[in-house]
Protein backbone atom coordinates (compact mmCIF):
# COMPACT_ATOMS: atom_id res chain seq x y z
CA UNK A 1 10.77 9.69 -8.46
CA UNK A 2 12.62 7.57 -5.90
CA UNK A 3 15.42 5.31 -7.08
CA UNK A 4 16.94 2.83 -4.65
CA UNK A 5 20.33 1.29 -5.34
CA UNK A 6 23.20 -0.47 -3.62
CA UNK A 7 21.73 -3.90 -3.10
CA UNK A 8 23.63 -7.06 -3.83
CA UNK A 9 24.98 -10.29 -2.42
CA UNK A 10 26.91 -10.13 0.83
CA UNK A 11 28.09 -12.67 3.36
CA UNK A 12 26.75 -12.73 6.89
CA UNK A 13 28.63 -10.24 9.03
CA UNK A 14 29.34 -8.00 6.07
CA UNK A 15 28.08 -4.54 5.19
CA UNK A 16 26.12 -2.87 2.43
CA UNK A 17 25.10 0.72 1.89
CA UNK A 18 21.81 1.44 0.18
CA UNK A 19 21.08 4.77 -1.40
CA UNK A 20 17.83 6.38 -2.45
CA UNK A 21 17.95 9.25 -4.92
CA UNK A 22 14.98 11.49 -5.55
CA UNK A 23 14.23 13.15 -8.84
CA UNK A 24 11.46 15.29 -10.22
CA UNK A 25 10.58 16.52 -6.76
CA UNK A 26 12.39 17.85 -3.71
CA UNK A 27 11.93 15.56 -0.73
CA UNK A 28 13.76 17.76 1.76
CA UNK A 29 10.47 18.48 3.55
CA UNK A 30 9.45 14.80 3.63
CA UNK A 31 10.24 12.18 6.20
CA UNK A 32 11.98 9.24 4.56
CA UNK A 33 11.84 5.58 5.38
CA UNK A 34 13.24 2.24 4.40
CA UNK A 35 11.09 -0.87 4.30
CA UNK A 36 11.82 -4.41 3.20
CA UNK A 37 9.91 -7.39 1.93
CA UNK A 38 11.22 -10.92 2.11
CA UNK A 39 9.80 -13.65 -0.15
CA UNK A 40 6.39 -14.75 1.07
CA UNK A 41 6.25 -12.11 3.76
CA UNK A 42 4.61 -8.74 4.17
CA UNK A 43 6.50 -5.52 3.71
CA UNK A 44 7.97 -4.39 7.01
CA UNK A 45 9.45 -1.25 8.45
CA UNK A 46 13.23 -0.96 8.76
CA UNK A 47 14.16 2.65 9.54
CA UNK A 48 12.91 6.19 9.15
CA UNK A 49 14.29 9.69 9.43
CA UNK A 50 12.54 13.02 9.91
CA UNK A 51 12.62 15.70 7.23
CA UNK A 52 15.38 17.58 9.06
CA UNK A 53 17.40 14.49 9.87
CA UNK A 54 17.27 15.23 13.57
CA UNK A 55 15.16 12.21 14.49
CA UNK A 56 15.43 8.59 13.51
CA UNK A 57 13.66 5.39 14.43
CA UNK A 58 14.50 1.75 13.77
CA UNK A 59 12.88 -1.63 13.85
CA UNK A 60 14.12 -3.66 16.80
CA UNK A 61 15.53 -6.25 14.43
CA UNK A 62 18.02 -3.78 12.94
CA UNK A 63 18.68 -1.44 15.84
CA UNK A 64 22.39 -1.08 16.47
CA UNK A 65 23.29 -2.54 13.07
CA UNK A 66 21.64 -0.22 10.55
CA UNK A 67 21.93 3.56 10.30
CA UNK A 68 19.69 5.83 8.25
CA UNK A 69 20.92 9.23 7.11
CA UNK A 70 19.96 11.88 4.61
CA UNK A 71 21.51 14.68 2.60
CA UNK A 72 18.84 17.20 1.72
CA UNK A 73 21.21 19.19 -0.46
CA UNK A 74 21.71 16.11 -2.62
CA UNK A 75 18.11 14.88 -2.24
CA UNK A 76 19.33 11.46 -1.10
CA UNK A 77 18.77 9.05 1.77
CA UNK A 78 21.11 6.26 2.75
CA UNK A 79 20.85 3.09 4.79
CA UNK A 80 24.14 1.77 6.12
CA UNK A 81 23.74 -1.90 6.97
CA UNK A 82 26.40 -3.57 9.11
CA UNK A 83 26.64 -7.00 10.70
CA UNK A 84 24.28 -8.37 8.10
CA UNK A 85 22.35 -11.53 8.84
CA UNK A 86 20.69 -14.01 6.47
CA UNK A 87 17.32 -12.84 7.78
CA UNK A 88 18.07 -9.38 6.37
CA UNK A 89 17.60 -10.86 2.90
CA UNK A 90 14.78 -8.95 1.21
CA UNK A 91 13.91 -6.36 -1.36
CA UNK A 92 14.50 -2.96 0.23
CA UNK A 93 12.32 0.01 -0.62
CA UNK A 94 12.73 3.68 0.16
CA UNK A 95 9.67 5.80 0.69
CA UNK A 96 8.71 9.40 1.38
CA UNK A 97 6.10 10.69 3.80
CA UNK A 98 4.71 14.22 3.96
CA UNK A 99 4.16 13.81 7.71
CA UNK A 100 6.05 16.49 9.62
CA UNK A 101 6.04 14.84 13.03
CA UNK A 102 8.29 12.09 14.35
CA UNK A 103 9.44 9.54 11.76
CA UNK A 104 6.82 6.85 11.31
CA UNK A 105 6.99 3.09 10.98
CA UNK A 106 3.52 2.74 9.44
CA UNK A 107 3.87 2.21 5.72
CA UNK A 108 0.45 3.78 5.19
CA UNK A 109 2.01 7.11 6.16
CA UNK A 110 4.24 7.01 3.09
CA UNK A 111 3.06 8.46 -0.19
CA UNK A 112 5.94 7.86 -2.61
CA UNK A 113 7.82 4.61 -3.08
CA UNK A 114 10.93 3.57 -4.95
CA UNK A 115 11.16 0.42 -7.02
CA UNK A 116 13.24 -1.61 -4.55
CA UNK A 117 16.72 -3.07 -4.50
CA UNK A 118 17.48 -6.70 -3.64
CA UNK A 119 19.73 -7.52 -0.71
CA UNK A 120 20.84 -11.13 -0.32
CA UNK A 121 22.84 -12.22 2.70
CA UNK A 122 24.43 -15.64 2.58
CA UNK A 123 25.26 -17.65 5.67
């Protein structure tokens, strides 16, 4: 129901834009988040946006470099990643949470998950 795309190989300092498309269900009333998992590490929070798009939150490691946005009419969520670093290398997942409050960084709050898209940043 969630399909992430846009990953690839990029040099350090470059940019990538990830997209998450929803199907089979309308996620306009869901908060959306992006998480990532590097090899050998646990899945970690990257960014989240409230159902209305009015509130966002970011991990400290990406603040000022990444921007999350959503288009409820298109049922999509995007993650614009600028000034990429090698440590951003990971599989990126989008997820949907039914929670109506502020966007959450706890992955346990998210009910639906996409399959992930690989981002590799070379130094």
